[in-house]
Full PDB file with SEQRES, HELIX, SHEET, SSBOND, CRYST1, ORIGX, SCALE, CONECT and MASTER records, all heavy atoms in Angstrom:
SEQRES   1 A   45  ARG SER GLY TRP THR LEU ASP THR THR ASP GLY PRO ASP          
SEQRES   2 A   45  PRO ASN ASP PRO SER ASN GLN LEU LEU ILE LYS ARG LEU          
SEQRES   3 A   45  TYR ALA ALA PRO ASP ASN GLU ILE GLY ALA TYR ALA ARG          
SEQRES   4 A   45  TRP VAL VAL MET ILE ASN                                      
SHEET    1 AA1 2 LEU A  21  LEU A  26  0                                        
SHEET    2 AA1 2 TRP A  40  ILE A  44 -1                                        
CRYST1    1.000    1.000    1.000  90.00  90.00  90.00 P 1           1          
ORIGX1      1.000000  0.000000  0.000000        0.00000                         
ORIGX2      0.000000  1.000000  0.000000        0.00000                         
ORIGX3      0.000000  0.000000  1.000000        0.00000                         
SCALE1      1.000000  0.000000  0.000000        0.00000                         
SCALE2      0.000000  1.000000  0.000000        0.00000                         
SCALE3      0.000000  0.000000  1.000000        0.00000                         
ATOM      1  N   ARG A   1       0.838  -1.204  -0.007  1.00  0.00           N  
ATOM      2  CA  ARG A   1       0.003  -0.002  -0.001  1.00  0.00           C  
ATOM      3  C   ARG A   1       0.865   1.243   0.005  1.00  0.00           C  
ATOM      4  O   ARG A   1       2.044   1.218   0.356  1.00  0.00           O  
ATOM      5  CB  ARG A   1      -0.947   0.009   1.192  1.00  0.00           C  
ATOM      6  CG  ARG A   1      -0.281   0.261   2.530  1.00  0.00           C  
ATOM      7  CD  ARG A   1      -1.279   0.166   3.672  1.00  0.00           C  
ATOM      8  NE  ARG A   1      -0.651   0.412   4.966  1.00  0.00           N  
ATOM      9  CZ  ARG A   1      -1.128  -0.032   6.106  1.00  0.00           C  
ATOM     10  NH1 ARG A   1      -2.244  -0.748   6.131  1.00  0.00           N  
ATOM     11  NH2 ARG A   1      -0.502   0.229   7.248  1.00  0.00           N  
ATOM     12  N   SER A   2       0.249   2.350  -0.360  1.00  0.00           N  
ATOM     13  CA  SER A   2       0.918   3.632  -0.508  1.00  0.00           C  
ATOM     14  C   SER A   2       1.400   4.203   0.827  1.00  0.00           C  
ATOM     15  O   SER A   2       0.841   3.902   1.884  1.00  0.00           O  
ATOM     16  CB  SER A   2      -0.063   4.632  -1.154  1.00  0.00           C  
ATOM     17  OG  SER A   2       0.483   5.915  -1.228  1.00  0.00           O  
ATOM     18  N   GLY A   3       2.428   5.051   0.730  1.00  0.00           N  
ATOM     19  CA  GLY A   3       2.893   5.789   1.904  1.00  0.00           C  
ATOM     20  C   GLY A   3       2.633   7.274   1.778  1.00  0.00           C  
ATOM     21  O   GLY A   3       3.115   8.063   2.597  1.00  0.00           O  
ATOM     22  N   TRP A   4       1.864   7.687   0.753  1.00  0.00           N  
ATOM     23  CA  TRP A   4       1.572   9.103   0.569  1.00  0.00           C  
ATOM     24  C   TRP A   4       0.655   9.615   1.684  1.00  0.00           C  
ATOM     25  O   TRP A   4      -0.116   8.854   2.265  1.00  0.00           O  
ATOM     26  CB  TRP A   4       0.883   9.344  -0.774  1.00  0.00           C  
ATOM     27  CG  TRP A   4       1.796   9.304  -1.955  1.00  0.00           C  
ATOM     28  CD1 TRP A   4       2.574   8.281  -2.370  1.00  0.00           C  
ATOM     29  CD2 TRP A   4       2.011  10.367  -2.899  1.00  0.00           C  
ATOM     30  NE1 TRP A   4       3.258   8.609  -3.514  1.00  0.00           N  
ATOM     31  CE2 TRP A   4       2.937   9.885  -3.862  1.00  0.00           C  
ATOM     32  CE3 TRP A   4       1.522  11.657  -3.049  1.00  0.00           C  
ATOM     33  CZ2 TRP A   4       3.381  10.658  -4.942  1.00  0.00           C  
ATOM     34  CZ3 TRP A   4       1.938  12.421  -4.112  1.00  0.00           C  
ATOM     35  CH2 TRP A   4       2.868  11.948  -5.041  1.00  0.00           C  
ATOM     36  N   THR A   5       0.793  10.909   1.983  1.00  0.00           N  
ATOM     37  CA  THR A   5      -0.027  11.548   3.025  1.00  0.00           C  
ATOM     38  C   THR A   5      -0.572  12.884   2.532  1.00  0.00           C  
ATOM     39  O   THR A   5      -0.193  13.386   1.473  1.00  0.00           O  
ATOM     40  CB  THR A   5       0.797  11.803   4.308  1.00  0.00           C  
ATOM     41  OG1 THR A   5       1.952  12.592   3.971  1.00  0.00           O  
ATOM     42  CG2 THR A   5       1.237  10.504   4.953  1.00  0.00           C  
ATOM     43  N   LEU A   6      -1.463  13.447   3.318  1.00  0.00           N  
ATOM     44  CA  LEU A   6      -1.943  14.816   3.091  1.00  0.00           C  
ATOM     45  C   LEU A   6      -0.937  15.760   3.737  1.00  0.00           C  
ATOM     46  O   LEU A   6      -0.496  15.547   4.864  1.00  0.00           O  
ATOM     47  CB  LEU A   6      -3.327  14.985   3.734  1.00  0.00           C  
ATOM     48  CG  LEU A   6      -4.385  13.949   3.343  1.00  0.00           C  
ATOM     49  CD1 LEU A   6      -5.667  14.183   4.141  1.00  0.00           C  
ATOM     50  CD2 LEU A   6      -4.661  13.972   1.857  1.00  0.00           C  
ATOM     51  N   ASP A   7      -0.549  16.811   3.010  1.00  0.00           N  
ATOM     52  CA  ASP A   7       0.564  17.675   3.417  1.00  0.00           C  
ATOM     53  C   ASP A   7       0.104  18.768   4.374  1.00  0.00           C  
ATOM     54  O   ASP A   7      -0.803  19.537   4.069  1.00  0.00           O  
ATOM     55  CB  ASP A   7       1.183  18.290   2.163  1.00  0.00           C  
ATOM     56  CG  ASP A   7       2.522  18.926   2.400  1.00  0.00           C  
ATOM     57  OD1 ASP A   7       2.972  18.948   3.575  1.00  0.00           O  
ATOM     58  OD2 ASP A   7       3.133  19.417   1.440  1.00  0.00           O  
ATOM     59  N   THR A   8       0.744  18.849   5.539  1.00  0.00           N  
ATOM     60  CA  THR A   8       0.440  19.910   6.494  1.00  0.00           C  
ATOM     61  C   THR A   8       1.374  21.109   6.350  1.00  0.00           C  
ATOM     62  O   THR A   8       1.170  22.136   7.001  1.00  0.00           O  
ATOM     63  CB  THR A   8       0.543  19.397   7.945  1.00  0.00           C  
ATOM     64  OG1 THR A   8       1.866  18.909   8.181  1.00  0.00           O  
ATOM     65  CG2 THR A   8      -0.461  18.279   8.191  1.00  0.00           C  
ATOM     66  N   THR A   9       2.395  20.985   5.517  1.00  0.00           N  
ATOM     67  CA  THR A   9       3.385  22.062   5.363  1.00  0.00           C  
ATOM     68  C   THR A   9       3.027  23.012   4.224  1.00  0.00           C  
ATOM     69  O   THR A   9       3.093  24.234   4.363  1.00  0.00           O  
ATOM     70  CB  THR A   9       4.782  21.468   5.115  1.00  0.00           C  
ATOM     71  OG1 THR A   9       5.115  20.598   6.202  1.00  0.00           O  
ATOM     72  CG2 THR A   9       5.834  22.559   5.009  1.00  0.00           C  
ATOM     73  N   ASP A  10       2.663  22.461   3.077  1.00  0.00           N  
ATOM     74  CA  ASP A  10       2.319  23.250   1.895  1.00  0.00           C  
ATOM     75  C   ASP A  10       0.808  23.407   1.838  1.00  0.00           C  
ATOM     76  O   ASP A  10       0.099  22.692   1.149  1.00  0.00           O  
ATOM     77  CB  ASP A  10       2.844  22.561   0.637  1.00  0.00           C  
ATOM     78  CG  ASP A  10       2.656  23.405  -0.608  1.00  0.00           C  
ATOM     79  OD1 ASP A  10       2.229  24.576  -0.475  1.00  0.00           O  
ATOM     80  OD2 ASP A  10       2.923  22.911  -1.724  1.00  0.00           O  
ATOM     81  N   GLY A  11       0.267  24.365   2.598  1.00  0.00           N  
ATOM     82  CA  GLY A  11      -1.171  24.561   2.696  1.00  0.00           C  
ATOM     83  C   GLY A  11      -1.650  24.066   4.069  1.00  0.00           C  
ATOM     84  O   GLY A  11      -0.842  23.719   4.907  1.00  0.00           O  
ATOM     85  N   PRO A  12      -2.975  24.047   4.266  1.00  0.00           N  
ATOM     86  CA  PRO A  12      -4.052  24.425   3.355  1.00  0.00           C  
ATOM     87  C   PRO A  12      -4.091  25.916   3.049  1.00  0.00           C  
ATOM     88  O   PRO A  12      -3.598  26.728   3.828  1.00  0.00           O  
ATOM     89  CB  PRO A  12      -5.317  23.989   4.112  1.00  0.00           C  
ATOM     90  CG  PRO A  12      -4.852  23.013   5.128  1.00  0.00           C  
ATOM     91  CD  PRO A  12      -3.479  23.471   5.509  1.00  0.00           C  
ATOM     92  N   ASP A  13      -4.698  26.241   1.896  1.00  0.00           N  
ATOM     93  CA  ASP A  13      -4.784  27.616   1.426  1.00  0.00           C  
ATOM     94  C   ASP A  13      -6.169  27.842   0.816  1.00  0.00           C  
ATOM     95  O   ASP A  13      -6.519  27.183  -0.161  1.00  0.00           O  
ATOM     96  CB  ASP A  13      -3.693  27.889   0.388  1.00  0.00           C  
ATOM     97  CG  ASP A  13      -3.594  29.336  -0.011  1.00  0.00           C  
ATOM     98  OD1 ASP A  13      -4.592  30.072   0.121  1.00  0.00           O  
ATOM     99  OD2 ASP A  13      -2.529  29.758  -0.488  1.00  0.00           O  
ATOM    100  N   PRO A  14      -6.948  28.763   1.373  1.00  0.00           N  
ATOM    101  CA  PRO A  14      -8.301  28.974   0.839  1.00  0.00           C  
ATOM    102  C   PRO A  14      -8.319  29.733  -0.484  1.00  0.00           C  
ATOM    103  O   PRO A  14      -9.360  29.824  -1.136  1.00  0.00           O  
ATOM    104  CB  PRO A  14      -8.988  29.788   1.939  1.00  0.00           C  
ATOM    105  CG  PRO A  14      -7.865  30.516   2.610  1.00  0.00           C  
ATOM    106  CD  PRO A  14      -6.690  29.578   2.570  1.00  0.00           C  
ATOM    107  N   ASN A  15      -7.173  30.268  -0.891  1.00  0.00           N  
ATOM    108  CA  ASN A  15      -7.136  31.147  -2.065  1.00  0.00           C  
ATOM    109  C   ASN A  15      -6.240  30.638  -3.186  1.00  0.00           C  
ATOM    110  O   ASN A  15      -5.888  31.402  -4.084  1.00  0.00           O  
ATOM    111  CB  ASN A  15      -6.655  32.543  -1.644  1.00  0.00           C  
ATOM    112  CG  ASN A  15      -7.562  33.164  -0.602  1.00  0.00           C  
ATOM    113  OD1 ASN A  15      -8.773  33.238  -0.773  1.00  0.00           O  
ATOM    114  ND2 ASN A  15      -6.970  33.618   0.509  1.00  0.00           N  
ATOM    115  N   ASP A  16      -5.886  29.356  -3.159  1.00  0.00           N  
ATOM    116  CA  ASP A  16      -4.982  28.831  -4.190  1.00  0.00           C  
ATOM    117  C   ASP A  16      -5.558  27.561  -4.821  1.00  0.00           C  
ATOM    118  O   ASP A  16      -5.190  26.449  -4.446  1.00  0.00           O  
ATOM    119  CB  ASP A  16      -3.609  28.546  -3.589  1.00  0.00           C  
ATOM    120  CG  ASP A  16      -2.570  28.244  -4.660  1.00  0.00           C  
ATOM    121  OD1 ASP A  16      -2.939  28.201  -5.854  1.00  0.00           O  
ATOM    122  OD2 ASP A  16      -1.392  28.044  -4.324  1.00  0.00           O  
ATOM    123  N   PRO A  17      -6.436  27.715  -5.834  1.00  0.00           N  
ATOM    124  CA  PRO A  17      -7.041  26.545  -6.476  1.00  0.00           C  
ATOM    125  C   PRO A  17      -6.091  25.774  -7.364  1.00  0.00           C  
ATOM    126  O   PRO A  17      -6.488  24.789  -7.971  1.00  0.00           O  
ATOM    127  CB  PRO A  17      -8.196  27.149  -7.279  1.00  0.00           C  
ATOM    128  CG  PRO A  17      -7.778  28.553  -7.544  1.00  0.00           C  
ATOM    129  CD  PRO A  17      -7.014  28.990  -6.325  1.00  0.00           C  
ATOM    130  N   SER A  18      -4.811  26.212  -7.467  1.00  0.00           N  
ATOM    131  CA  SER A  18      -3.850  25.404  -8.214  1.00  0.00           C  
ATOM    132  C   SER A  18      -3.358  24.232  -7.371  1.00  0.00           C  
ATOM    133  O   SER A  18      -2.663  23.336  -7.882  1.00  0.00           O  
ATOM    134  CB  SER A  18      -2.656  26.256  -8.645  1.00  0.00           C  
ATOM    135  OG  SER A  18      -1.878  26.689  -7.547  1.00  0.00           O  
ATOM    136  N   ASN A  19      -3.720  24.201  -6.076  1.00  0.00           N  
ATOM    137  CA  ASN A  19      -3.363  23.075  -5.228  1.00  0.00           C  
ATOM    138  C   ASN A  19      -4.083  21.807  -5.681  1.00  0.00           C  
ATOM    139  O   ASN A  19      -5.101  21.867  -6.363  1.00  0.00           O  
ATOM    140  CB  ASN A  19      -3.683  23.369  -3.763  1.00  0.00           C  
ATOM    141  CG  ASN A  19      -2.663  24.295  -3.136  1.00  0.00           C  
ATOM    142  OD1 ASN A  19      -1.698  24.698  -3.766  1.00  0.00           O  
ATOM    143  ND2 ASN A  19      -2.890  24.652  -1.873  1.00  0.00           N  
ATOM    144  N   GLN A  20      -3.586  20.684  -5.264  1.00  0.00           N  
ATOM    145  CA  GLN A  20      -4.068  19.395  -5.780  1.00  0.00           C  
ATOM    146  C   GLN A  20      -5.408  18.930  -5.240  1.00  0.00           C  
ATOM    147  O   GLN A  20      -6.125  18.198  -5.919  1.00  0.00           O  
ATOM    148  CB  GLN A  20      -3.012  18.324  -5.500  1.00  0.00           C  
ATOM    149  CG  GLN A  20      -1.706  18.544  -6.235  1.00  0.00           C  
ATOM    150  CD  GLN A  20      -0.635  17.549  -5.840  1.00  0.00           C  
ATOM    151  OE1 GLN A  20      -0.334  17.381  -4.665  1.00  0.00           O  
ATOM    152  NE2 GLN A  20      -0.081  16.864  -6.834  1.00  0.00           N  
ATOM    153  N   LEU A  21      -5.751  19.353  -4.027  1.00  0.00           N  
ATOM    154  CA  LEU A  21      -6.919  18.801  -3.356  1.00  0.00           C  
ATOM    155  C   LEU A  21      -7.854  19.898  -2.869  1.00  0.00           C  
ATOM    156  O   LEU A  21      -7.450  21.047  -2.659  1.00  0.00           O  
ATOM    157  CB  LEU A  21      -6.481  17.984  -2.128  1.00  0.00           C  
ATOM    158  CG  LEU A  21      -5.460  16.875  -2.362  1.00  0.00           C  
ATOM    159  CD1 LEU A  21      -5.005  16.307  -1.014  1.00  0.00           C  
ATOM    160  CD2 LEU A  21      -6.023  15.778  -3.241  1.00  0.00           C  
ATOM    161  N   LEU A  22      -9.111  19.513  -2.665  1.00  0.00           N  
ATOM    162  CA  LEU A  22     -10.101  20.337  -1.978  1.00  0.00           C  
ATOM    163  C   LEU A  22     -10.498  19.600  -0.715  1.00  0.00           C  
ATOM    164  O   LEU A  22     -10.885  18.416  -0.779  1.00  0.00           O  
ATOM    165  CB  LEU A  22     -11.316  20.587  -2.862  1.00  0.00           C  
ATOM    166  CG  LEU A  22     -12.500  21.296  -2.192  1.00  0.00           C  
ATOM    167  CD1 LEU A  22     -12.133  22.744  -1.887  1.00  0.00           C  
ATOM    168  CD2 LEU A  22     -13.749  21.233  -3.069  1.00  0.00           C  
ATOM    169  N   ILE A  23     -10.395  20.242   0.426  1.00  0.00           N  
ATOM    170  CA  ILE A  23     -10.737  19.619   1.692  1.00  0.00           C  
ATOM    171  C   ILE A  23     -12.256  19.660   1.899  1.00  0.00           C  
ATOM    172  O   ILE A  23     -12.852  20.747   1.911  1.00  0.00           O  
ATOM    173  CB  ILE A  23     -10.036  20.325   2.869  1.00  0.00           C  
ATOM    174  CG1 ILE A  23      -8.516  20.307   2.667  1.00  0.00           C  
ATOM    175  CG2 ILE A  23     -10.389  19.625   4.193  1.00  0.00           C  
ATOM    176  CD1 ILE A  23      -7.758  21.164   3.669  1.00  0.00           C  
ATOM    177  N   LYS A  24     -12.880  18.496   2.056  1.00  0.00           N  
ATOM    178  CA  LYS A  24     -14.328  18.428   2.209  1.00  0.00           C  
ATOM    179  C   LYS A  24     -14.765  18.384   3.682  1.00  0.00           C  
ATOM    180  O   LYS A  24     -15.676  19.102   4.091  1.00  0.00           O  
ATOM    181  CB  LYS A  24     -14.867  17.175   1.496  1.00  0.00           C  
ATOM    182  CG  LYS A  24     -14.727  17.192  -0.013  1.00  0.00           C  
ATOM    183  CD  LYS A  24     -15.627  18.246  -0.669  1.00  0.00           C  
ATOM    184  CE  LYS A  24     -17.106  18.014  -0.490  1.00  0.00           C  
ATOM    185  NZ  LYS A  24     -17.659  16.906  -1.310  1.00  0.00           N  
ATOM    186  N   ARG A  25     -14.107  17.532   4.489  1.00  0.00           N  
ATOM    187  CA  ARG A  25     -14.520  17.389   5.893  1.00  0.00           C  
ATOM    188  C   ARG A  25     -13.594  16.402   6.577  1.00  0.00           C  
ATOM    189  O   ARG A  25     -12.839  15.665   5.925  1.00  0.00           O  
ATOM    190  CB  ARG A  25     -15.967  16.881   5.995  1.00  0.00           C  
ATOM    191  CG  ARG A  25     -16.180  15.516   5.361  1.00  0.00           C  
ATOM    192  CD  ARG A  25     -17.661  15.125   5.293  1.00  0.00           C  
ATOM    193  NE  ARG A  25     -17.842  13.844   4.612  1.00  0.00           N  
ATOM    194  CZ  ARG A  25     -17.913  13.687   3.293  1.00  0.00           C  
ATOM    195  NH1 ARG A  25     -17.798  14.767   2.509  1.00  0.00           N  
ATOM    196  NH2 ARG A  25     -18.100  12.511   2.763  1.00  0.00           N  
ATOM    197  N   LEU A  26     -13.647  16.371   7.912  1.00  0.00           N  
ATOM    198  CA  LEU A  26     -12.959  15.338   8.686  1.00  0.00           C  
ATOM    199  C   LEU A  26     -13.661  13.999   8.447  1.00  0.00           C  
ATOM    200  O   LEU A  26     -14.894  13.938   8.413  1.00  0.00           O  
ATOM    201  CB  LEU A  26     -12.977  15.671  10.174  1.00  0.00           C  
ATOM    202  CG  LEU A  26     -12.218  14.716  11.100  1.00  0.00           C  
ATOM    203  CD1 LEU A  26     -10.727  14.880  10.943  1.00  0.00           C  
ATOM    204  CD2 LEU A  26     -12.635  14.918  12.551  1.00  0.00           C  
ATOM    205  N   TYR A  27     -12.888  12.952   8.271  1.00  0.00           N  
ATOM    206  CA  TYR A  27     -13.469  11.628   8.084  1.00  0.00           C  
ATOM    207  C   TYR A  27     -14.098  11.172   9.415  1.00  0.00           C  
ATOM    208  O   TYR A  27     -13.455  11.187  10.475  1.00  0.00           O  
ATOM    209  CB  TYR A  27     -12.385  10.642   7.656  1.00  0.00           C  
ATOM    210  CG  TYR A  27     -12.860   9.222   7.483  1.00  0.00           C  
ATOM    211  CD1 TYR A  27     -13.791   8.896   6.498  1.00  0.00           C  
ATOM    212  CD2 TYR A  27     -12.362   8.208   8.289  1.00  0.00           C  
ATOM    213  CE1 TYR A  27     -14.206   7.592   6.327  1.00  0.00           C  
ATOM    214  CE2 TYR A  27     -12.776   6.891   8.129  1.00  0.00           C  
ATOM    215  CZ  TYR A  27     -13.704   6.596   7.136  1.00  0.00           C  
ATOM    216  OH  TYR A  27     -14.127   5.295   6.964  1.00  0.00           O  
ATOM    217  N   ALA A  28     -15.361  10.788   9.340  1.00  0.00           N  
ATOM    218  CA  ALA A  28     -16.106  10.415  10.549  1.00  0.00           C  
ATOM    219  C   ALA A  28     -15.814   8.979  10.928  1.00  0.00           C  
ATOM    220  O   ALA A  28     -16.223   8.027  10.235  1.00  0.00           O  
ATOM    221  CB  ALA A  28     -17.596  10.611  10.324  1.00  0.00           C  
ATOM    222  N   ALA A  29     -15.091   8.791  12.021  1.00  0.00           N  
ATOM    223  CA  ALA A  29     -14.779   7.478  12.540  1.00  0.00           C  
ATOM    224  C   ALA A  29     -14.462   7.602  14.023  1.00  0.00           C  
ATOM    225  O   ALA A  29     -13.900   8.619  14.463  1.00  0.00           O  
ATOM    226  CB  ALA A  29     -13.597   6.844  11.801  1.00  0.00           C  
ATOM    227  N   PRO A  30     -14.791   6.597  14.846  1.00  0.00           N  
ATOM    228  CA  PRO A  30     -14.548   6.679  16.292  1.00  0.00           C  
ATOM    229  C   PRO A  30     -13.081   6.855  16.645  1.00  0.00           C  
ATOM    230  O   PRO A  30     -12.763   7.411  17.698  1.00  0.00           O  
ATOM    231  CB  PRO A  30     -15.078   5.339  16.825  1.00  0.00           C  
ATOM    232  CG  PRO A  30     -16.038   4.868  15.777  1.00  0.00           C  
ATOM    233  CD  PRO A  30     -15.503   5.356  14.477  1.00  0.00           C  
ATOM    234  N   ASP A  31     -12.188   6.366  15.786  1.00  0.00           N  
ATOM    235  CA  ASP A  31     -10.748   6.430  16.081  1.00  0.00           C  
ATOM    236  C   ASP A  31     -10.063   7.569  15.336  1.00  0.00           C  
ATOM    237  O   ASP A  31      -8.857   7.524  15.109  1.00  0.00           O  
ATOM    238  CB  ASP A  31     -10.076   5.108  15.737  1.00  0.00           C  
ATOM    239  CG  ASP A  31     -10.211   4.742  14.246  1.00  0.00           C  
ATOM    240  OD1 ASP A  31     -11.045   5.385  13.549  1.00  0.00           O  
ATOM    241  OD2 ASP A  31      -9.487   3.861  13.780  1.00  0.00           O  
ATOM    242  N   ASN A  32     -10.838   8.608  14.949  1.00  0.00           N  
ATOM    243  CA  ASN A  32     -10.265   9.714  14.196  1.00  0.00           C  
ATOM    244  C   ASN A  32     -10.712  11.039  14.786  1.00  0.00           C  
ATOM    245  O   ASN A  32     -11.899  11.241  15.063  1.00  0.00           O  
ATOM    246  CB  ASN A  32     -10.720   9.624  12.724  1.00  0.00           C  
ATOM    247  CG  ASN A  32     -10.003  10.624  11.833  1.00  0.00           C  
ATOM    248  OD1 ASN A  32      -8.782  10.780  11.915  1.00  0.00           O  
ATOM    249  ND2 ASN A  32     -10.755  11.306  10.994  1.00  0.00           N  
ATOM    250  N   GLU A  33      -9.755  11.931  15.014  1.00  0.00           N  
ATOM    251  CA  GLU A  33     -10.084  13.257  15.544  1.00  0.00           C  
ATOM    252  C   GLU A  33      -9.108  14.274  14.974  1.00  0.00           C  
ATOM    253  O   GLU A  33      -8.036  13.925  14.451  1.00  0.00           O  
ATOM    254  CB  GLU A  33      -9.981  13.255  17.068  1.00  0.00           C  
ATOM    255  CG  GLU A  33      -8.607  12.899  17.606  1.00  0.00           C  
ATOM    256  CD  GLU A  33      -8.562  12.795  19.118  1.00  0.00           C  
ATOM    257  OE1 GLU A  33      -9.594  12.507  19.740  1.00  0.00           O  
ATOM    258  OE2 GLU A  33      -7.463  12.998  19.691  1.00  0.00           O  
ATOM    259  N   ILE A  34      -9.479  15.544  15.025  1.00  0.00           N  
ATOM    260  CA  ILE A  34      -8.616  16.604  14.516  1.00  0.00           C  
ATOM    261  C   ILE A  34      -7.308  16.601  15.297  1.00  0.00           C  
ATOM    262  O   ILE A  34      -7.304  16.542  16.520  1.00  0.00           O  
ATOM    263  CB  ILE A  34      -9.327  17.966  14.619  1.00  0.00           C  
ATOM    264  CG1 ILE A  34     -10.497  18.028  13.617  1.00  0.00           C  
ATOM    265  CG2 ILE A  34      -8.360  19.115  14.349  1.00  0.00           C  
ATOM    266  CD1 ILE A  34     -11.328  19.280  13.731  1.00  0.00           C  
ATOM    267  N   GLY A  35      -6.204  16.668  14.559  1.00  0.00           N  
ATOM    268  CA  GLY A  35      -4.881  16.648  15.175  1.00  0.00           C  
ATOM    269  C   GLY A  35      -3.906  15.930  14.270  1.00  0.00           C  
ATOM    270  O   GLY A  35      -4.176  15.662  13.098  1.00  0.00           O  
ATOM    271  N   ALA A  36      -2.735  15.608  14.799  1.00  0.00           N  
ATOM    272  CA  ALA A  36      -1.714  14.904  14.029  1.00  0.00           C  
ATOM    273  C   ALA A  36      -2.246  13.578  13.534  1.00  0.00           C  
ATOM    274  O   ALA A  36      -2.929  12.850  14.243  1.00  0.00           O  
ATOM    275  CB  ALA A  36      -0.478  14.674  14.893  1.00  0.00           C  
ATOM    276  N   TYR A  37      -1.940  13.272  12.278  1.00  0.00           N  
ATOM    277  CA  TYR A  37      -2.302  12.004  11.617  1.00  0.00           C  
ATOM    278  C   TYR A  37      -3.810  11.833  11.443  1.00  0.00           C  
ATOM    279  O   TYR A  37      -4.292  10.715  11.223  1.00  0.00           O  
ATOM    280  CB  TYR A  37      -1.729  10.802  12.349  1.00  0.00           C  
ATOM    281  CG  TYR A  37      -0.255  10.908  12.625  1.00  0.00           C  
ATOM    282  CD1 TYR A  37       0.252  10.792  13.937  1.00  0.00           C  
ATOM    283  CD2 TYR A  37       0.669  11.141  11.591  1.00  0.00           C  
ATOM    284  CE1 TYR A  37       1.610  10.896  14.183  1.00  0.00           C  
ATOM    285  CE2 TYR A  37       2.024  11.247  11.841  1.00  0.00           C  
ATOM    286  CZ  TYR A  37       2.489  11.116  13.142  1.00  0.00           C  
ATOM    287  OH  TYR A  37       3.839  11.227  13.402  1.00  0.00           O  
ATOM    288  N   ALA A  38      -4.572  12.911  11.490  1.00  0.00           N  
ATOM    289  CA  ALA A  38      -6.016  12.831  11.266  1.00  0.00           C  
ATOM    290  C   ALA A  38      -6.300  12.436   9.826  1.00  0.00           C  
ATOM    291  O   ALA A  38      -5.530  12.730   8.914  1.00  0.00           O  
ATOM    292  CB  ALA A  38      -6.684  14.159  11.599  1.00  0.00           C  
ATOM    293  N   ARG A  39      -7.419  11.770   9.619  1.00  0.00           N  
ATOM    294  CA  ARG A  39      -7.863  11.399   8.289  1.00  0.00           C  
ATOM    295  C   ARG A  39      -8.955  12.376   7.840  1.00  0.00           C  
ATOM    296  O   ARG A  39      -9.865  12.673   8.605  1.00  0.00           O  
ATOM    297  CB  ARG A  39      -8.386   9.960   8.287  1.00  0.00           C  
ATOM    298  CG  ARG A  39      -7.282   8.909   8.390  1.00  0.00           C  
ATOM    299  CD  ARG A  39      -7.857   7.544   8.722  1.00  0.00           C  
ATOM    300  NE  ARG A  39      -8.233   7.474  10.142  1.00  0.00           N  
ATOM    301  CZ  ARG A  39      -9.072   6.597  10.645  1.00  0.00           C  
ATOM    302  NH1 ARG A  39      -9.656   5.703   9.862  1.00  0.00           N  
ATOM    303  NH2 ARG A  39      -9.342   6.587  11.945  1.00  0.00           N  
ATOM    304  N   TRP A  40      -8.816  12.839   6.608  1.00  0.00           N  
ATOM    305  CA  TRP A  40      -9.726  13.824   6.049  1.00  0.00           C  
ATOM    306  C   TRP A  40     -10.301  13.356   4.721  1.00  0.00           C  
ATOM    307  O   TRP A  40      -9.646  12.612   3.988  1.00  0.00           O  
ATOM    308  CB  TRP A  40      -9.010  15.160   5.855  1.00  0.00           C  
ATOM    309  CG  TRP A  40      -8.620  15.841   7.118  1.00  0.00           C  
ATOM    310  CD1 TRP A  40      -7.515  15.594   7.897  1.00  0.00           C  
ATOM    311  CD2 TRP A  40      -9.348  16.867   7.808  1.00  0.00           C  
ATOM    312  NE1 TRP A  40      -7.505  16.420   9.010  1.00  0.00           N  
ATOM    313  CE2 TRP A  40      -8.614  17.211   8.967  1.00  0.00           C  
ATOM    314  CE3 TRP A  40     -10.532  17.554   7.533  1.00  0.00           C  
ATOM    315  CZ2 TRP A  40      -9.033  18.191   9.862  1.00  0.00           C  
ATOM    316  CZ3 TRP A  40     -10.960  18.541   8.429  1.00  0.00           C  
ATOM    317  CH2 TRP A  40     -10.211  18.862   9.578  1.00  0.00           C  
ATOM    318  N   VAL A  41     -11.500  13.808   4.426  1.00  0.00           N  
ATOM    319  CA  VAL A  41     -12.119  13.545   3.136  1.00  0.00           C  
ATOM    320  C   VAL A  41     -11.765  14.698   2.182  1.00  0.00           C  
ATOM    321  O   VAL A  41     -11.932  15.872   2.533  1.00  0.00           O  
ATOM    322  CB  VAL A  41     -13.656  13.419   3.269  1.00  0.00           C  
ATOM    323  CG1 VAL A  41     -14.299  13.214   1.900  1.00  0.00           C  
ATOM    324  CG2 VAL A  41     -14.013  12.280   4.206  1.00  0.00           C  
ATOM    325  N   VAL A  42     -11.263  14.330   1.011  1.00  0.00           N  
ATOM    326  CA  VAL A  42     -10.830  15.318   0.030  1.00  0.00           C  
ATOM    327  C   VAL A  42     -11.329  14.923  -1.355  1.00  0.00           C  
ATOM    328  O   VAL A  42     -11.731  13.777  -1.586  1.00  0.00           O  
ATOM    329  CB  VAL A  42      -9.287  15.437  -0.011  1.00  0.00           C  
ATOM    330  CG1 VAL A  42      -8.734  15.893   1.327  1.00  0.00           C  
ATOM    331  CG2 VAL A  42      -8.638  14.123  -0.440  1.00  0.00           C  
ATOM    332  N   MET A  43     -11.308  15.876  -2.270  1.00  0.00           N  
ATOM    333  CA  MET A  43     -11.508  15.614  -3.679  1.00  0.00           C  
ATOM    334  C   MET A  43     -10.285  16.086  -4.435  1.00  0.00           C  
ATOM    335  O   MET A  43      -9.597  17.005  -3.986  1.00  0.00           O  
ATOM    336  CB  MET A  43     -12.764  16.309  -4.210  1.00  0.00           C  
ATOM    337  CG  MET A  43     -14.059  15.764  -3.647  1.00  0.00           C  
ATOM    338  SD  MET A  43     -15.534  16.563  -4.342  1.00  0.00           S  
ATOM    339  CE  MET A  43     -15.560  15.823  -5.997  1.00  0.00           C  
ATOM    340  N   ILE A  44      -9.991  15.437  -5.566  1.00  0.00           N  
ATOM    341  CA  ILE A  44      -8.876  15.909  -6.401  1.00  0.00           C  
ATOM    342  C   ILE A  44      -9.321  17.180  -7.115  1.00  0.00           C  
ATOM    343  O   ILE A  44     -10.265  17.166  -7.892  1.00  0.00           O  
ATOM    344  CB  ILE A  44      -8.467  14.832  -7.430  1.00  0.00           C  
ATOM    345  CG1 ILE A  44      -7.976  13.576  -6.692  1.00  0.00           C  
ATOM    346  CG2 ILE A  44      -7.371  15.373  -8.344  1.00  0.00           C  
ATOM    347  CD1 ILE A  44      -7.691  12.405  -7.615  1.00  0.00           C  
ATOM    348  N   ASN A  45      -8.660  18.258  -6.822  1.00  0.00           N  
ATOM    349  CA  ASN A  45      -8.998  19.556  -7.398  1.00  0.00           C  
ATOM    350  C   ASN A  45      -8.297  19.778  -8.718  1.00  0.00           C  
ATOM    351  O   ASN A  45      -8.895  20.179  -9.716  1.00  0.00           O  
ATOM    352  CB  ASN A  45      -8.639  20.668  -6.404  1.00  0.00           C  
ATOM    353  CG  ASN A  45      -9.106  22.027  -6.891  1.00  0.00           C  
ATOM    354  OD1 ASN A  45     -10.300  22.210  -7.112  1.00  0.00           O  
ATOM    355  ND2 ASN A  45      -8.193  22.961  -7.069  1.00  0.00           N  
TER     356      ASN A  45                                                      
MASTER        0    0    0    0    2    0    0    6  355    1    0    4          
END                                                                             
């Protein structure tokens, strides 16, 4: 499986649609919360 992650260094940016992803929401799961290593729902922008 992949080792790619969502980048916390380059963005997020509300004003740069040249970025690769659009953030939709936090992934709803009992073992997931906002913070380091959180899982998020995104779309390819």
